[in-house]
Amino acid sequence: LLSEYSSLKKRYWGQHLWARGYWVASSGNVTDEVWKEYIKNQKPDEPDDDFSVL
């Protein structure tokens, strides 16, 4: 990308064009519902008790 567009090369010289923590992939034949369930299951479980400091 940078070799094709010299204006980007000048602008992003010495910097990163993409963020390190971002990932993209093709989902193929996976439905939106399957992705939603997968994402929902990635969240850590909530604790069963409420903790508070007074």
PDB file of N, CA and C in Angstrom:
ATOM      1  N   LEU A   1       0.828  -1.188   0.000  1.00  0.00           N
ATOM      2  CA  LEU A   1       0.000   0.000   0.000  1.00  0.00           C
ATOM      3  C   LEU A   1       0.873   1.252   0.000  1.00  0.00           C
ATOM      4  N   LEU A   2       1.857   1.263   0.884  1.00  0.00           N
ATOM      5  CA  LEU A   2       2.730   2.439   0.959  1.00  0.00           C
ATOM      6  C   LEU A   2       3.601   2.588  -0.282  1.00  0.00           C
ATOM      7  N   SER A   3       3.975   1.468  -0.894  1.00  0.00           N
ATOM      8  CA  SER A   3       4.805   1.570  -2.095  1.00  0.00           C
ATOM      9  C   SER A   3       3.998   2.067  -3.292  1.00  0.00           C
ATOM     10  N   GLU A   4       2.679   1.843  -3.281  1.00  0.00           N
ATOM     11  CA  GLU A   4       1.838   2.294  -4.387  1.00  0.00           C
ATOM     12  C   GLU A   4       1.426   3.755  -4.260  1.00  0.00           C
ATOM     13  N   TYR A   5       1.266   4.233  -3.051  1.00  0.00           N
ATOM     14  CA  TYR A   5       0.790   5.597  -2.818  1.00  0.00           C
ATOM     15  C   TYR A   5       1.859   6.386  -2.061  1.00  0.00           C
ATOM     16  N   SER A   6       2.624   7.149  -2.816  1.00  0.00           N
ATOM     17  CA  SER A   6       3.744   7.878  -2.210  1.00  0.00           C
ATOM     18  C   SER A   6       3.276   8.912  -1.187  1.00  0.00           C
ATOM     19  N   SER A   7       2.072   9.452  -1.350  1.00  0.00           N
ATOM     20  CA  SER A   7       1.573  10.433  -0.375  1.00  0.00           C
ATOM     21  C   SER A   7       1.387   9.784   1.001  1.00  0.00           C
ATOM     22  N   LEU A   8       0.964   8.533   1.029  1.00  0.00           N
ATOM     23  CA  LEU A   8       0.829   7.817   2.304  1.00  0.00           C
ATOM     24  C   LEU A   8       2.197   7.514   2.896  1.00  0.00           C
ATOM     25  N   LYS A   9       3.141   7.176   2.031  1.00  0.00           N
ATOM     26  CA  LYS A   9       4.489   6.857   2.497  1.00  0.00           C
ATOM     27  C   LYS A   9       5.097   8.051   3.218  1.00  0.00           C
ATOM     28  N   LYS A  10       4.910   9.241   2.663  1.00  0.00           N
ATOM     29  CA  LYS A  10       5.433  10.454   3.295  1.00  0.00           C
ATOM     30  C   LYS A  10       4.707  10.739   4.609  1.00  0.00           C
ATOM     31  N   ARG A  11       3.403  10.549   4.600  1.00  0.00           N
ATOM     32  CA  ARG A  11       2.599  10.860   5.790  1.00  0.00           C
ATOM     33  C   ARG A  11       2.882   9.905   6.949  1.00  0.00           C
ATOM     34  N   TYR A  12       3.051   8.622   6.647  1.00  0.00           N
ATOM     35  CA  TYR A  12       3.210   7.619   7.701  1.00  0.00           C
ATOM     36  C   TYR A  12       4.652   7.149   7.861  1.00  0.00           C
ATOM     37  N   TRP A  13       5.612   7.903   7.381  1.00  0.00           N
ATOM     38  CA  TRP A  13       7.012   7.521   7.501  1.00  0.00           C
ATOM     39  C   TRP A  13       7.385   7.360   8.971  1.00  0.00           C
ATOM     40  N   GLY A  14       7.899   6.198   9.326  1.00  0.00           N
ATOM     41  CA  GLY A  14       8.322   5.936  10.700  1.00  0.00           C
ATOM     42  C   GLY A  14       7.180   5.638  11.655  1.00  0.00           C
ATOM     43  N   GLN A  15       5.974   5.570  11.137  1.00  0.00           N
ATOM     44  CA  GLN A  15       4.813   5.295  11.983  1.00  0.00           C
ATOM     45  C   GLN A  15       4.115   4.044  11.470  1.00  0.00           C
ATOM     46  N   HIS A  16       3.151   3.571  12.238  1.00  0.00           N
ATOM     47  CA  HIS A  16       2.381   2.401  11.840  1.00  0.00           C
ATOM     48  C   HIS A  16       1.091   2.846  11.177  1.00  0.00           C
ATOM     49  N   LEU A  17       0.755   2.209  10.070  1.00  0.00           N
ATOM     50  CA  LEU A  17      -0.489   2.518   9.373  1.00  0.00           C
ATOM     51  C   LEU A  17      -1.677   1.840  10.056  1.00  0.00           C
ATOM     52  N   TRP A  18      -1.434   0.646  10.628  1.00  0.00           N
ATOM     53  CA  TRP A  18      -2.494  -0.082  11.304  1.00  0.00           C
ATOM     54  C   TRP A  18      -2.168  -0.221  12.786  1.00  0.00           C
ATOM     55  N   ALA A  19      -3.210  -0.294  13.602  1.00  0.00           N
ATOM     56  CA  ALA A  19      -3.028  -0.521  15.035  1.00  0.00           C
ATOM     57  C   ALA A  19      -2.647  -1.984  15.270  1.00  0.00           C
ATOM     58  N   ARG A  20      -1.857  -2.236  16.293  1.00  0.00           N
ATOM     59  CA  ARG A  20      -1.400  -3.597  16.577  1.00  0.00           C
ATOM     60  C   ARG A  20      -2.505  -4.494  17.126  1.00  0.00           C
ATOM     61  N   GLY A  21      -3.486  -3.952  17.805  1.00  0.00           N
ATOM     62  CA  GLY A  21      -4.491  -4.767  18.478  1.00  0.00           C
ATOM     63  C   GLY A  21      -5.731  -5.053  17.663  1.00  0.00           C
ATOM     64  N   TYR A  22      -5.656  -4.934  16.360  1.00  0.00           N
ATOM     65  CA  TYR A  22      -6.842  -5.103  15.527  1.00  0.00           C
ATOM     66  C   TYR A  22      -6.653  -6.296  14.610  1.00  0.00           C
ATOM     67  N   TRP A  23      -7.667  -7.142  14.488  1.00  0.00           N
ATOM     68  CA  TRP A  23      -7.574  -8.342  13.672  1.00  0.00           C
ATOM     69  C   TRP A  23      -8.850  -8.498  12.863  1.00  0.00           C
ATOM     70  N   VAL A  24      -8.726  -8.813  11.599  1.00  0.00           N
ATOM     71  CA  VAL A  24      -9.876  -9.000  10.714  1.00  0.00           C
ATOM     72  C   VAL A  24      -9.706 -10.312   9.973  1.00  0.00           C
ATOM     73  N   ALA A  25     -10.814 -11.023   9.815  1.00  0.00           N
ATOM     74  CA  ALA A  25     -10.781 -12.263   9.045  1.00  0.00           C
ATOM     75  C   ALA A  25     -12.117 -12.449   8.344  1.00  0.00           C
ATOM     76  N   SER A  26     -12.129 -13.264   7.351  1.00  0.00           N
ATOM     77  CA  SER A  26     -13.361 -13.592   6.651  1.00  0.00           C
ATOM     78  C   SER A  26     -14.101 -14.660   7.450  1.00  0.00           C
ATOM     79  N   SER A  27     -15.410 -14.534   7.532  1.00  0.00           N
ATOM     80  CA  SER A  27     -16.180 -15.493   8.324  1.00  0.00           C
ATOM     81  C   SER A  27     -16.741 -16.628   7.479  1.00  0.00           C
ATOM     82  N   GLY A  28     -16.574 -16.572   6.179  1.00  0.00           N
ATOM     83  CA  GLY A  28     -17.050 -17.656   5.323  1.00  0.00           C
ATOM     84  C   GLY A  28     -18.542 -17.874   5.456  1.00  0.00           C
ATOM     85  N   ASN A  29     -18.937 -19.094   5.778  1.00  0.00           N
ATOM     86  CA  ASN A  29     -20.355 -19.448   5.874  1.00  0.00           C
ATOM     87  C   ASN A  29     -20.900 -19.333   7.288  1.00  0.00           C
ATOM     88  N   VAL A  30     -20.206 -18.657   8.167  1.00  0.00           N
ATOM     89  CA  VAL A  30     -20.654 -18.512   9.552  1.00  0.00           C
ATOM     90  C   VAL A  30     -21.698 -17.396   9.614  1.00  0.00           C
ATOM     91  N   THR A  31     -22.803 -17.669  10.283  1.00  0.00           N
ATOM     92  CA  THR A  31     -23.883 -16.682  10.365  1.00  0.00           C
ATOM     93  C   THR A  31     -23.590 -15.613  11.408  1.00  0.00           C
ATOM     94  N   ASP A  32     -24.329 -14.522  11.328  1.00  0.00           N
ATOM     95  CA  ASP A  32     -24.196 -13.454  12.316  1.00  0.00           C
ATOM     96  C   ASP A  32     -24.528 -13.954  13.717  1.00  0.00           C
ATOM     97  N   GLU A  33     -25.498 -14.846  13.822  1.00  0.00           N
ATOM     98  CA  GLU A  33     -25.891 -15.375  15.128  1.00  0.00           C
ATOM     99  C   GLU A  33     -24.751 -16.169  15.766  1.00  0.00           C
ATOM    100  N   VAL A  34     -24.027 -16.927  14.982  1.00  0.00           N
ATOM    101  CA  VAL A  34     -22.889 -17.689  15.498  1.00  0.00           C
ATOM    102  C   VAL A  34     -21.824 -16.729  16.001  1.00  0.00           C
ATOM    103  N   TRP A  35     -21.552 -15.656  15.238  1.00  0.00           N
ATOM    104  CA  TRP A  35     -20.564 -14.658  15.679  1.00  0.00           C
ATOM    105  C   TRP A  35     -21.005 -13.968  16.957  1.00  0.00           C
ATOM    106  N   LYS A  36     -22.280 -13.614  17.058  1.00  0.00           N
ATOM    107  CA  LYS A  36     -22.793 -12.954  18.267  1.00  0.00           C
ATOM    108  C   LYS A  36     -22.618 -13.857  19.486  1.00  0.00           C
ATOM    109  N   GLU A  37     -22.909 -15.137  19.329  1.00  0.00           N
ATOM    110  CA  GLU A  37     -22.755 -16.090  20.435  1.00  0.00           C
ATOM    111  C   GLU A  37     -21.280 -16.230  20.820  1.00  0.00           C
ATOM    112  N   TYR A  38     -20.407 -16.283  19.829  1.00  0.00           N
ATOM    113  CA  TYR A  38     -18.968 -16.376  20.088  1.00  0.00           C
ATOM    114  C   TYR A  38     -18.486 -15.164  20.875  1.00  0.00           C
ATOM    115  N   ILE A  39     -18.874 -13.971  20.435  1.00  0.00           N
ATOM    116  CA  ILE A  39     -18.455 -12.738  21.110  1.00  0.00           C
ATOM    117  C   ILE A  39     -19.019 -12.688  22.523  1.00  0.00           C
ATOM    118  N   LYS A  40     -20.272 -13.078  22.680  1.00  0.00           N
ATOM    119  CA  LYS A  40     -20.902 -13.082  24.005  1.00  0.00           C
ATOM    120  C   LYS A  40     -20.141 -13.991  24.965  1.00  0.00           C
ATOM    121  N   ASN A  41     -19.649 -15.101  24.474  1.00  0.00           N
ATOM    122  CA  ASN A  41     -18.930 -16.058  25.317  1.00  0.00           C
ATOM    123  C   ASN A  41     -17.491 -15.652  25.591  1.00  0.00           C
ATOM    124  N   GLN A  42     -17.000 -14.587  24.980  1.00  0.00           N
ATOM    125  CA  GLN A  42     -15.641 -14.108  25.227  1.00  0.00           C
ATOM    126  C   GLN A  42     -15.556 -13.213  26.455  1.00  0.00           C
ATOM    127  N   LYS A  43     -16.691 -12.688  26.894  1.00  0.00           N
ATOM    128  CA  LYS A  43     -16.702 -11.816  28.072  1.00  0.00           C
ATOM    129  C   LYS A  43     -16.462 -12.648  29.326  1.00  0.00           C
ATOM    130  N   PRO A  44     -15.693 -12.131  30.268  1.00  0.00           N
ATOM    131  CA  PRO A  44     -15.492 -12.874  31.519  1.00  0.00           C
ATOM    132  C   PRO A  44     -16.803 -12.971  32.298  1.00  0.00           C
ATOM    133  N   ASP A  45     -16.943 -14.046  33.030  1.00  0.00           N
ATOM    134  CA  ASP A  45     -18.140 -14.230  33.852  1.00  0.00           C
ATOM    135  C   ASP A  45     -18.212 -13.156  34.924  1.00  0.00           C
ATOM    136  N   GLU A  46     -19.409 -12.687  35.167  1.00  0.00           N
ATOM    137  CA  GLU A  46     -19.631 -11.712  36.230  1.00  0.00           C
ATOM    138  C   GLU A  46     -19.588 -12.441  37.571  1.00  0.00           C
ATOM    139  N   PRO A  47     -19.019 -11.820  38.584  1.00  0.00           N
ATOM    140  CA  PRO A  47     -19.011 -12.464  39.905  1.00  0.00           C
ATOM    141  C   PRO A  47     -20.439 -12.607  40.436  1.00  0.00           C
ATOM    142  N   ASP A  48     -20.649 -13.655  41.237  1.00  0.00           N
ATOM    143  CA  ASP A  48     -21.979 -13.924  41.770  1.00  0.00           C
ATOM    144  C   ASP A  48     -22.364 -12.978  42.900  1.00  0.00           C
ATOM    145  N   ASP A  49     -21.382 -12.421  43.583  1.00  0.00           N
ATOM    146  CA  ASP A  49     -21.706 -11.533  44.696  1.00  0.00           C
ATOM    147  C   ASP A  49     -21.305 -10.096  44.358  1.00  0.00           C
ATOM    148  N   ASP A  50     -21.977  -9.163  44.980  1.00  0.00           N
ATOM    149  CA  ASP A  50     -21.652  -7.749  44.795  1.00  0.00           C
ATOM    150  C   ASP A  50     -20.613  -7.349  45.828  1.00  0.00           C
ATOM    151  N   PHE A  51     -19.551  -6.751  45.386  1.00  0.00           N
ATOM    152  CA  PHE A  51     -18.492  -6.298  46.276  1.00  0.00           C
ATOM    153  C   PHE A  51     -18.504  -4.785  46.289  1.00  0.00           C
ATOM    154  N   SER A  52     -18.502  -4.215  47.475  1.00  0.00           N
ATOM    155  CA  SER A  52     -18.451  -2.756  47.551  1.00  0.00           C
ATOM    156  C   SER A  52     -17.582  -2.340  48.727  1.00  0.00           C
ATOM    157  N   VAL A  53     -16.966  -1.195  48.583  1.00  0.00           N
ATOM    158  CA  VAL A  53     -16.132  -0.629  49.632  1.00  0.00           C
ATOM    159  C   VAL A  53     -16.834   0.614  50.137  1.00  0.00           C
ATOM    160  N   LEU A  54     -17.028   0.671  51.442  1.00  0.00           N
ATOM    161  CA  LEU A  54     -17.711   1.838  52.020  1.00  0.00           C
ATOM    162  C   LEU A  54     -16.729   2.814  52.585  1.00  0.00           C
TER     163      LEU A  54
END
